[in-house]
Protein backbone atom coordinates (compact mmCIF):
# COMPACT_ATOMS: atom_id res chain seq x y z
CA UNK A 1 -22.95 32.37 37.06
CA UNK A 2 -24.22 35.97 37.34
CA UNK A 3 -23.58 38.13 34.31
CA UNK A 4 -21.30 41.12 34.57
CA UNK A 5 -22.23 44.53 33.25
CA UNK A 6 -19.95 43.86 30.29
CA UNK A 7 -21.64 40.60 29.30
CA UNK A 8 -22.85 40.53 25.69
CA UNK A 9 -26.53 40.55 24.91
CA UNK A 10 -25.98 37.31 23.00
CA UNK A 11 -23.21 35.27 21.40
CA UNK A 12 -23.52 34.76 17.65
CA UNK A 13 -21.30 32.20 15.94
CA UNK A 14 -20.98 31.76 12.20
CA UNK A 15 -19.91 29.05 9.85
CA UNK A 16 -17.81 30.63 7.08
CA UNK A 17 -18.31 28.69 3.85
CA UNK A 18 -21.73 29.41 2.37
CA UNK A 19 -22.45 31.86 5.19
CA UNK A 20 -19.72 34.52 5.08
CA UNK A 21 -18.39 33.73 1.60
CA UNK A 22 -19.76 31.98 -1.46
CA UNK A 23 -17.64 28.88 -2.07
CA UNK A 24 -19.59 27.59 -5.07
CA UNK A 25 -16.69 28.45 -7.37
CA UNK A 26 -13.93 27.56 -4.91
CA UNK A 27 -14.29 24.81 -2.32
CA UNK A 28 -17.15 23.10 -4.13
CA UNK A 29 -15.34 23.47 -7.43
CA UNK A 30 -12.22 22.00 -5.80
CA UNK A 31 -14.27 18.95 -4.77
CA UNK A 32 -15.51 18.53 -8.34
CA UNK A 33 -12.07 18.93 -9.90
CA UNK A 34 -10.41 16.67 -7.34
CA UNK A 35 -12.87 13.88 -8.08
CA UNK A 36 -12.36 14.47 -11.82
CA UNK A 37 -8.58 14.33 -11.39
CA UNK A 38 -8.72 10.82 -9.95
CA UNK A 39 -11.88 9.45 -11.56
CA UNK A 40 -12.21 11.23 -14.90
CA UNK A 41 -15.78 12.41 -14.27
CA UNK A 42 -17.12 15.44 -12.49
CA UNK A 43 -19.87 14.97 -9.87
CA UNK A 44 -22.95 17.14 -10.25
CA UNK A 45 -23.47 19.91 -7.65
CA UNK A 46 -26.66 18.11 -6.59
CA UNK A 47 -24.57 15.07 -5.65
CA UNK A 48 -22.46 17.23 -3.33
CA UNK A 49 -25.61 18.75 -1.80
CA UNK A 50 -27.04 15.27 -1.23
CA UNK A 51 -23.81 14.15 0.44
CA UNK A 52 -23.69 17.24 2.66
CA UNK A 53 -27.32 16.72 3.67
CA UNK A 54 -26.35 13.43 5.30
CA UNK A 55 -24.70 15.45 8.06
CA UNK A 56 -21.41 13.52 8.18
CA UNK A 57 -19.32 15.13 5.43
CA UNK A 58 -18.47 18.64 6.59
CA UNK A 59 -14.79 18.11 5.76
CA UNK A 60 -14.37 18.65 2.02
CA UNK A 61 -11.34 16.36 1.78
CA UNK A 62 -13.34 13.53 3.29
CA UNK A 63 -16.32 14.43 1.11
CA UNK A 64 -14.12 14.19 -1.99
CA UNK A 65 -12.87 10.78 -0.94
CA UNK A 66 -16.41 9.59 -0.24
CA UNK A 67 -17.59 10.72 -3.67
CA UNK A 68 -14.72 8.79 -5.26
CA UNK A 69 -15.65 5.71 -3.24
CA UNK A 70 -19.31 5.92 -4.21
CA UNK A 71 -18.33 6.40 -7.85
CA UNK A 72 -16.48 3.09 -7.70
CA UNK A 73 -12.97 4.46 -7.97
CA UNK A 74 -10.43 1.69 -7.42
CA UNK A 75 -7.90 1.92 -6.08
CA UNK A 76 -8.67 5.02 -4.04
CA UNK A 77 -5.84 7.54 -3.69
CA UNK A 78 -4.17 7.92 -0.33
CA UNK A 79 -5.63 10.68 1.79
CA UNK A 80 -2.36 12.60 1.50
CA UNK A 81 -2.49 12.40 -2.32
CA UNK A 82 -6.07 13.62 -2.37
CA UNK A 83 -5.36 16.55 -0.03
CA UNK A 84 -2.38 17.65 -2.14
CA UNK A 85 -4.48 17.68 -5.31
CA UNK A 86 -7.38 19.44 -3.59
CA UNK A 87 -5.08 22.15 -2.19
CA UNK A 88 -3.47 22.67 -5.59
CA UNK A 89 -6.89 23.50 -7.00
CA UNK A 90 -8.13 25.54 -4.05
CA UNK A 91 -5.06 27.57 -3.05
CA UNK A 92 -2.92 27.26 -6.17
CA UNK A 93 0.11 27.94 -4.02
CA UNK A 94 1.53 27.29 -0.57
CA UNK A 95 -1.35 27.48 1.96
CA UNK A 96 1.13 28.69 4.58
CA UNK A 97 2.71 31.19 2.22
CA UNK A 98 1.89 34.66 0.94
CA UNK A 99 -1.79 34.91 -0.05
CA UNK A 100 -0.72 37.29 -2.79
CA UNK A 101 0.88 34.30 -4.51
CA UNK A 102 -2.22 32.11 -4.43
CA UNK A 103 -3.60 31.45 -7.91
CA UNK A 104 -6.29 28.90 -7.11
CA UNK A 105 -10.06 28.94 -6.78
CA UNK A 106 -9.85 30.85 -3.47
CA UNK A 107 -9.63 33.98 -5.60
CA UNK A 108 -13.21 33.39 -6.81
CA UNK A 109 -15.13 33.80 -3.53
CA UNK A 110 -17.75 36.58 -3.38
CA UNK A 111 -18.36 37.91 0.12
CA UNK A 112 -21.89 37.52 1.49
CA UNK A 113 -21.51 40.30 4.09
CA UNK A 114 -19.26 43.31 4.49
CA UNK A 115 -17.34 44.74 7.45
CA UNK A 116 -20.21 47.06 8.46
CA UNK A 117 -22.30 43.96 9.23
CA UNK A 118 -19.95 43.19 12.12
CA UNK A 119 -19.81 46.86 13.15
CA UNK A 120 -23.58 46.69 13.57
CA UNK A 121 -23.21 43.58 15.71
CA UNK A 122 -20.86 45.42 18.04
CA UNK A 123 -23.31 48.32 18.33
CA UNK A 124 -26.03 45.82 19.28
CA UNK A 125 -23.72 44.35 21.98
CA UNK A 126 -23.52 40.98 20.27
CA UNK A 127 -20.29 39.01 20.68
CA UNK A 128 -19.40 37.14 17.51
CA UNK A 129 -17.01 34.46 16.35
CA UNK A 130 -16.55 31.78 13.71
CA UNK A 131 -16.64 27.98 13.84
CA UNK A 132 -15.54 26.56 10.51
CA UNK A 133 -14.24 23.31 9.07
CA UNK A 134 -12.06 25.20 6.58
CA UNK A 135 -8.27 25.39 6.87
CA UNK A 136 -6.97 28.19 9.12
CA UNK A 137 -5.13 30.08 6.32
CA UNK A 138 -8.31 30.16 4.25
CA UNK A 139 -10.39 31.36 7.21
CA UNK A 140 -7.93 34.07 8.20
CA UNK A 141 -7.69 35.24 4.60
CA UNK A 142 -11.41 35.91 4.30
CA UNK A 143 -11.89 37.28 7.82
CA UNK A 144 -8.77 39.40 8.18
CA UNK A 145 -7.54 40.24 4.70
CA UNK A 146 -10.87 40.57 2.91
CA UNK A 147 -13.26 41.66 5.67
CA UNK A 148 -10.72 43.62 7.68
CA UNK A 149 -11.58 42.04 11.03
CA UNK A 150 -8.87 42.29 13.70
CA UNK A 151 -8.03 39.01 15.44
CA UNK A 152 -11.52 37.53 14.97
CA UNK A 153 -12.42 34.71 17.42
CA UNK A 154 -12.06 31.56 15.32
CA UNK A 155 -12.21 27.80 15.58
CA UNK A 156 -10.97 26.31 12.29
CA UNK A 157 -9.90 22.91 10.99
CA UNK A 158 -7.57 21.24 13.46
CA UNK A 159 -8.56 23.45 16.40
CA UNK A 160 -11.35 21.07 17.46
CA UNK A 161 -12.99 17.85 16.21
CA UNK A 162 -14.94 18.19 12.97
CA UNK A 163 -18.59 19.20 13.14
CA UNK A 164 -21.13 17.92 14.09
CA UNK A 165 -19.00 17.37 17.19
CA UNK A 166 -19.91 20.49 19.25
CA UNK A 167 -16.56 20.84 21.05
CA UNK A 168 -15.36 23.85 19.06
CA UNK A 169 -18.72 25.63 19.23
CA UNK A 170 -18.94 25.12 22.99
CA UNK A 171 -15.36 26.28 23.58
CA UNK A 172 -15.79 29.49 21.63
CA UNK A 173 -19.30 30.19 22.94
CA UNK A 174 -18.09 29.83 26.52
CA UNK A 175 -15.16 32.15 25.89
CA UNK A 176 -17.28 34.84 24.28
CA UNK A 177 -20.00 34.54 26.93
CA UNK A 178 -17.41 35.40 29.54
CA UNK A 179 -17.49 32.15 31.48
CA UNK A 180 -19.39 28.93 31.86
CA UNK A 181 -22.44 28.17 29.75
CA UNK A 182 -25.71 27.70 31.59
CA UNK A 183 -29.08 29.22 32.42
CA UNK A 184 -27.50 32.55 33.41
CA UNK A 185 -25.28 32.82 30.32
CA UNK A 186 -26.25 34.88 27.25
CA UNK A 187 -28.11 33.00 24.51
CA UNK A 188 -25.92 31.39 21.84
CA UNK A 189 -26.88 31.44 18.16
CA UNK A 190 -25.11 29.49 15.44
CA UNK A 191 -25.70 30.23 11.75
CA UNK A 192 -24.67 27.53 9.28
CA UNK A 193 -25.60 26.19 5.87
CA UNK A 194 -25.38 22.41 6.26
CA UNK A 195 -27.09 19.64 8.18
CA UNK A 196 -23.80 19.12 10.07
CA UNK A 197 -24.05 22.72 11.33
CA UNK A 198 -27.58 22.12 12.58
CA UNK A 199 -26.59 18.83 14.23
CA UNK A 200 -23.72 20.63 15.98
CA UNK A 201 -26.22 22.78 17.84
CA UNK A 202 -28.41 19.77 18.61
CA UNK A 203 -25.46 18.02 20.23
CA UNK A 204 -24.43 21.17 22.09
CA UNK A 205 -27.93 21.23 23.61
CA UNK A 206 -27.53 17.65 24.74
CA UNK A 207 -24.36 18.56 26.61
CA UNK A 208 -25.74 21.81 28.06
CA UNK A 209 -29.52 21.49 28.29
CA UNK A 210 -29.76 24.51 30.58
CA UNK A 211 -28.12 26.83 28.01
CA UNK A 212 -30.32 28.63 25.49
CA UNK A 213 -29.14 27.79 21.96
CA UNK A 214 -30.67 28.96 18.70
CA UNK A 215 -29.92 27.08 15.49
CA UNK A 216 -30.31 29.28 12.42
CA UNK A 217 -29.60 28.09 8.90
CA UNK A 218 -29.29 29.52 5.41
CA UNK A 219 -29.24 27.81 2.03
CA UNK A 220 -25.85 28.11 0.28
CA UNK A 221 -25.69 30.76 -2.46
CA UNK A 222 -25.48 28.35 -5.38
CA UNK A 223 -29.10 27.34 -4.68
CA UNK A 224 -30.57 30.84 -4.50
CA UNK A 225 -31.40 30.92 -8.20
CA UNK A 226 -33.11 27.52 -8.11
CA UNK A 227 -36.34 27.82 -6.06
CA UNK A 228 -37.30 24.14 -6.03
CA UNK A 229 -33.83 22.89 -5.11
CA UNK A 230 -33.47 25.62 -2.51
CA UNK A 231 -36.82 24.76 -0.92
CA UNK A 232 -35.87 21.08 -0.73
CA UNK A 233 -32.52 21.93 0.82
CA UNK A 234 -34.09 24.27 3.37
CA UNK A 235 -36.62 21.56 4.26
CA UNK A 236 -33.74 19.20 5.06
CA UNK A 237 -32.19 21.83 7.33
CA UNK A 238 -35.48 22.20 9.20
CA UNK A 239 -35.94 18.44 9.39
CA UNK A 240 -32.48 18.19 10.97
CA UNK A 241 -33.60 20.54 13.73
CA UNK A 242 -32.89 24.12 12.63
CA UNK A 243 -35.06 26.55 14.57
CA UNK A 244 -35.40 28.74 11.49
CA UNK A 245 -34.03 29.19 7.98
CA UNK A 246 -33.26 32.80 7.11
CA UNK A 247 -33.10 34.28 3.58
CA UNK A 248 -29.46 35.35 3.81
CA UNK A 249 -26.73 36.12 6.30
CA UNK A 250 -27.29 39.83 5.71
CA UNK A 251 -30.83 39.43 7.13
CA UNK A 252 -29.60 38.01 10.44
CA UNK A 253 -29.78 41.07 12.67
CA UNK A 254 -33.24 42.19 11.61
CA UNK A 255 -34.56 38.71 12.40
CA UNK A 256 -32.50 37.97 15.52
CA UNK A 257 -32.72 41.21 17.49
CA UNK A 258 -36.52 41.11 18.02
CA UNK A 259 -36.16 37.61 19.50
CA UNK A 260 -33.63 38.86 22.04
CA UNK A 261 -36.04 41.45 23.40
């Protein structure tokens, strides 16, 4: 497929949690408090990191249930019970309701980039979008309400199978590239913070070997003050197949643009 004059220089897709916002005191805290609610003990953050590094637990509800199972909780709660407790901690209100009424951990999420980061991407002729396992109201809240983005291209929970299934990434990449993926399409970069994110790109390559994909990764913010733990986590991302680990999301453009020529 020949590119039109309006084709982007590249397509850049982002995970949201740990990449656009710091969820150490929100989603990860909700996991900890949900496990405590049912089991009476709080898992250590390192236990969550270890679980995430397995590449199969991108969904935090499922991760919470798996931690309960591994802790020997019996009987396990129903999935519906667990989700209700998790949402009460995370949103602290109706997820489909007015965000101004939310009183949960979602209010404790520092942003890792600001709106001008995406303005710079537009200037560089980079099309961007978001592929996240978080609930749609949570994603829209951070992208639209907090970052001020207008109708950002988004694949969220329920829009596609959970990562590392590449369906959502491929759908959004194709749309932003202006047509079919392939040798003539713009390169596609995905920036994530988990092994599941890296594996998503690996599986996308298997389905479209002629398309140029770049898998970039970043350690989640809660590890940035712990050099040894961060180095071990970054090594796992590279072992999973990341092409490079970058220091932070804010460093993306200065590292990516020279590779695009």
